[in-house]
Amino acid sequence: MDEEYSDILEENYYDQSLPLIGKHIVSQKEGAHLGDIVDVHIDAIARRISAIVFTKNALGMGDRYYINVDDIESLGEDVVIVRERNCAVKLTESGSVPGKSIDDFKGIRVTTLLGKNLGIIDDIQIRPSNLRIGEFIFDDDKRLVVDASEITMGEDVVLVPEDYTSKVVIKIEQEEGFFGRLKSKERELVNTITDRSREVGRWVSRNVYH
């Protein structure tokens, strides 16, 4: 494989969107495995993670804890790194988790500003680079990569720009091994280039033609 091309794919890893449920949580300060993620909460206004919920039991049973977004150091392909063990808050002591659970968004319809329905949310994936919403997985095995700054997370409907109609694609199951990861990175690189091109177009429109 061309080394330069491989480096580009690696650099764009943090522009990919990742599922978080089931990932291990490790504290940076102690190097300790705190537990596994069982829920993710989202700030609908900021359109980014507000907290992650985890249990110490691998089966997702027992006491639940949450970690605020400010204490998340990085979202990795396999592990989420948080600041330290003491940043975890036991749910029975805190009352409630900030934000809204991803489960609360399941079943909500995604619609364009022209009124076209694109799909019904089955899962939401997050971009590691900014902890914002990066992709919707629909209940019909289709997916939609989004720019969080362009969407509205409503109580009953998620609104997206009209040109998102062409961005809905069939979900491709993750392939195992090196070549599977490479193909996944290549797909996300294409999505990243598309997003950047649209951003440049908007900048030119605002600053050159006005």
Protein backbone atom coordinates (compact mmCIF):
# COMPACT_ATOMS: atom_id res chain seq x y z
CA MET A 1 0.00 0.00 0.00
CA ASP A 2 1.21 3.56 -0.74
CA GLU A 3 2.68 4.88 2.56
CA GLU A 4 1.44 8.43 1.99
CA TYR A 5 -2.11 7.19 1.33
CA SER A 6 -1.97 5.04 4.47
CA ASP A 7 -0.90 8.08 6.53
CA ILE A 8 -3.85 10.08 5.18
CA LEU A 9 -6.28 7.35 6.21
CA GLU A 10 -4.76 7.20 9.69
CA GLU A 11 -4.94 10.98 10.12
CA ASN A 12 -8.61 10.97 9.19
CA TYR A 13 -9.46 8.30 11.77
CA TYR A 14 -10.68 11.02 14.12
CA ASP A 15 -13.18 12.21 11.50
CA GLN A 16 -14.91 8.83 11.55
CA SER A 17 -18.06 8.22 13.55
CA LEU A 18 -17.99 5.51 16.19
CA PRO A 19 -20.52 3.43 18.13
CA LEU A 20 -19.82 3.70 21.87
CA ILE A 21 -22.05 1.13 23.56
CA GLY A 22 -19.95 -1.74 24.96
CA LYS A 23 -16.59 0.05 24.78
CA HIS A 24 -14.21 -0.21 27.75
CA ILE A 25 -13.57 2.88 29.86
CA VAL A 26 -10.00 3.38 31.12
CA SER A 27 -8.78 6.13 33.46
CA GLN A 28 -5.73 8.02 32.26
CA LYS A 29 -4.38 8.80 35.73
CA GLU A 30 -4.57 5.26 37.16
CA GLY A 31 -4.58 3.16 34.00
CA ALA A 32 -7.58 1.32 35.45
CA HIS A 33 -10.48 -0.33 33.63
CA LEU A 34 -13.55 1.35 35.16
CA GLY A 35 -16.23 -0.57 33.28
CA ASP A 36 -18.11 -0.79 29.97
CA ILE A 37 -20.42 1.80 28.40
CA VAL A 38 -24.12 0.92 28.55
CA ASP A 39 -25.62 4.27 27.52
CA VAL A 40 -24.63 7.59 25.96
CA HIS A 41 -26.36 10.89 26.71
CA ILE A 42 -26.51 13.73 24.21
CA ASP A 43 -26.97 17.47 24.58
CA ALA A 44 -29.60 18.05 21.89
CA ILE A 45 -28.81 21.77 21.60
CA ALA A 46 -25.03 21.37 21.32
CA ARG A 47 -25.55 18.11 19.35
CA ARG A 48 -22.69 16.43 21.20
CA ILE A 49 -22.11 13.98 24.03
CA SER A 50 -23.07 15.24 27.47
CA ALA A 51 -22.14 12.08 29.41
CA ILE A 52 -21.40 8.37 29.15
CA VAL A 53 -23.02 5.82 31.45
CA PHE A 54 -21.27 2.61 32.47
CA THR A 55 -21.40 -0.35 34.82
CA LYS A 56 -18.53 -2.26 36.39
CA ASN A 57 -20.24 -5.52 35.46
CA ALA A 58 -19.44 -6.82 31.97
CA LEU A 59 -23.09 -7.89 31.57
CA GLY A 60 -24.33 -4.35 32.17
CA MET A 61 -25.87 -5.20 35.54
CA GLY A 62 -25.34 -3.63 38.94
CA ASP A 63 -24.80 0.00 39.93
CA ARG A 64 -24.55 2.56 37.17
CA TYR A 65 -22.12 5.46 37.00
CA TYR A 66 -21.74 8.37 34.62
CA ILE A 67 -18.83 10.49 33.46
CA ASN A 68 -19.37 14.06 32.27
CA VAL A 69 -18.15 15.03 28.80
CA ASP A 70 -15.58 17.41 30.30
CA ASP A 71 -13.79 14.42 31.83
CA ILE A 72 -13.50 12.48 28.56
CA GLU A 73 -9.97 12.63 27.20
CA SER A 74 -10.44 10.65 23.97
CA LEU A 75 -12.74 8.25 22.14
CA GLY A 76 -10.72 5.41 20.68
CA GLU A 77 -11.58 2.60 18.30
CA ASP A 78 -11.66 0.14 21.20
CA VAL A 79 -11.36 2.15 24.43
CA VAL A 80 -12.63 5.45 25.85
CA ILE A 81 -10.03 7.29 27.93
CA VAL A 82 -11.28 9.44 30.83
CA ARG A 83 -9.35 11.76 33.16
CA GLU A 84 -9.35 9.74 36.39
CA ARG A 85 -11.28 7.23 38.45
CA ASN A 86 -12.80 9.89 40.72
CA CYS A 87 -14.62 11.61 37.85
CA ALA A 88 -17.19 8.77 37.83
CA VAL A 89 -20.45 9.67 39.62
CA LYS A 90 -22.78 7.01 40.99
CA LEU A 91 -26.27 7.50 39.62
CA THR A 92 -28.06 6.88 42.91
CA GLU A 93 -26.11 9.78 44.38
CA SER A 94 -26.56 12.28 41.56
CA GLY A 95 -30.21 11.84 40.67
CA SER A 96 -30.00 12.10 36.88
CA VAL A 97 -27.54 12.12 33.99
CA PRO A 98 -27.13 15.39 32.05
CA GLY A 99 -28.58 15.34 28.55
CA LYS A 100 -30.86 12.88 26.84
CA SER A 101 -30.20 9.15 26.35
CA ILE A 102 -29.54 7.91 22.82
CA ASP A 103 -32.37 5.46 23.45
CA ASP A 104 -34.77 8.43 23.62
CA PHE A 105 -33.90 9.32 20.03
CA LYS A 106 -34.53 5.83 18.70
CA GLY A 107 -37.69 5.75 16.62
CA ILE A 108 -37.50 9.46 15.77
CA ARG A 109 -37.79 10.32 12.09
CA VAL A 110 -35.11 12.26 10.21
CA THR A 111 -36.65 14.73 7.74
CA THR A 112 -35.18 17.29 5.35
CA LEU A 113 -36.13 20.96 5.43
CA LEU A 114 -38.14 20.28 2.27
CA GLY A 115 -40.23 17.72 4.14
CA LYS A 116 -38.75 14.47 2.78
CA ASN A 117 -38.42 11.62 5.28
CA LEU A 118 -35.00 9.96 5.13
CA GLY A 119 -35.31 7.30 7.80
CA ILE A 120 -36.03 6.38 11.40
CA ILE A 121 -33.16 6.49 13.90
CA ASP A 122 -31.97 3.17 15.30
CA ASP A 123 -28.60 4.37 16.59
CA ILE A 124 -26.40 7.48 16.76
CA GLN A 125 -22.64 7.46 16.31
CA ILE A 126 -20.16 10.07 17.51
CA ARG A 127 -17.13 11.76 15.94
CA PRO A 128 -14.04 11.34 18.18
CA SER A 129 -12.56 14.61 16.92
CA ASN A 130 -15.20 16.82 18.52
CA LEU A 131 -17.53 14.44 20.44
CA ARG A 132 -20.43 15.62 18.29
CA ILE A 133 -23.06 13.62 16.42
CA GLY A 134 -21.53 12.27 13.23
CA GLU A 135 -23.87 9.63 11.87
CA PHE A 136 -27.40 8.26 12.10
CA ILE A 137 -28.02 4.55 11.63
CA PHE A 138 -31.56 3.90 10.41
CA ASP A 139 -33.83 0.97 11.20
CA ASP A 140 -33.73 -0.19 7.56
CA ASP A 141 -29.94 -0.74 7.60
CA LYS A 142 -29.19 2.60 5.94
CA ARG A 143 -26.90 5.28 7.33
CA LEU A 144 -26.51 9.04 7.08
CA VAL A 145 -23.28 10.90 7.81
CA VAL A 146 -24.10 14.37 9.15
CA ASP A 147 -22.46 17.67 10.03
CA ALA A 148 -23.72 18.34 13.56
CA SER A 149 -23.76 22.09 12.96
CA GLU A 150 -26.37 21.64 10.21
CA ILE A 151 -28.97 19.52 12.03
CA THR A 152 -31.74 20.22 14.54
CA MET A 153 -32.35 17.57 17.20
CA GLY A 154 -36.04 18.15 17.93
CA GLU A 155 -38.29 16.38 20.42
CA ASP A 156 -40.25 14.62 17.69
CA VAL A 157 -38.26 15.08 14.47
CA VAL A 158 -34.61 15.57 13.50
CA LEU A 159 -34.28 18.15 10.72
CA VAL A 160 -31.44 18.09 8.18
CA PRO A 161 -30.62 20.15 5.04
CA GLU A 162 -32.43 19.25 1.82
CA ASP A 163 -29.22 18.07 0.11
CA TYR A 164 -28.85 15.27 2.68
CA THR A 165 -31.21 13.17 0.57
CA SER A 166 -28.27 12.11 -1.61
CA LYS A 167 -26.12 11.22 1.43
CA VAL A 168 -28.24 8.30 2.65
CA VAL A 169 -26.42 5.05 1.86
CA ILE A 170 -26.84 1.37 2.60
CA LYS A 171 -25.09 0.40 5.83
CA ILE A 172 -22.01 -1.73 5.16
CA GLU A 173 -21.29 -4.30 7.84
CA GLN A 174 -17.85 -3.93 9.38
CA GLU A 175 -15.34 -6.38 7.99
CA GLU A 176 -12.80 -8.00 10.26
CA GLY A 177 -9.04 -7.66 10.00
CA PHE A 178 -6.69 -5.12 8.52
CA PHE A 179 -8.39 -4.84 5.11
CA GLY A 180 -11.79 -4.44 6.73
CA ARG A 181 -10.52 -1.52 8.81
CA LEU A 182 -8.81 -0.05 5.76
CA LYS A 183 -12.02 -0.14 3.73
CA SER A 184 -13.89 1.47 6.59
CA LYS A 185 -11.32 4.27 6.83
CA GLU A 186 -11.41 4.75 3.07
CA ARG A 187 -15.21 5.17 3.14
CA GLU A 188 -14.96 7.68 5.97
CA LEU A 189 -12.19 9.56 4.13
CA VAL A 190 -14.53 10.01 1.16
CA ASN A 191 -17.22 11.32 3.53
CA THR A 192 -14.70 13.70 5.12
CA ILE A 193 -13.62 15.08 1.74
CA THR A 194 -17.28 15.62 0.83
CA ASP A 195 -17.93 17.47 4.09
CA ARG A 196 -14.84 19.66 3.66
CA SER A 197 -15.84 20.51 0.08
CA ARG A 198 -19.25 21.63 1.26
CA GLU A 199 -17.66 23.79 3.98
CA VAL A 200 -15.37 25.46 1.41
CA GLY A 201 -18.37 26.08 -0.84
CA ARG A 202 -20.28 27.77 1.97
CA TRP A 203 -17.24 29.91 2.88
CA VAL A 204 -16.78 31.05 -0.73
CA SER A 205 -20.50 31.85 -0.97
CA ARG A 206 -20.39 33.97 2.20
CA ASN A 207 -17.07 35.76 1.64
CA VAL A 208 -16.66 36.07 -2.11
CA TYR A 209 -20.11 36.55 -3.55
CA HIS A 210 -21.51 38.78 -0.78
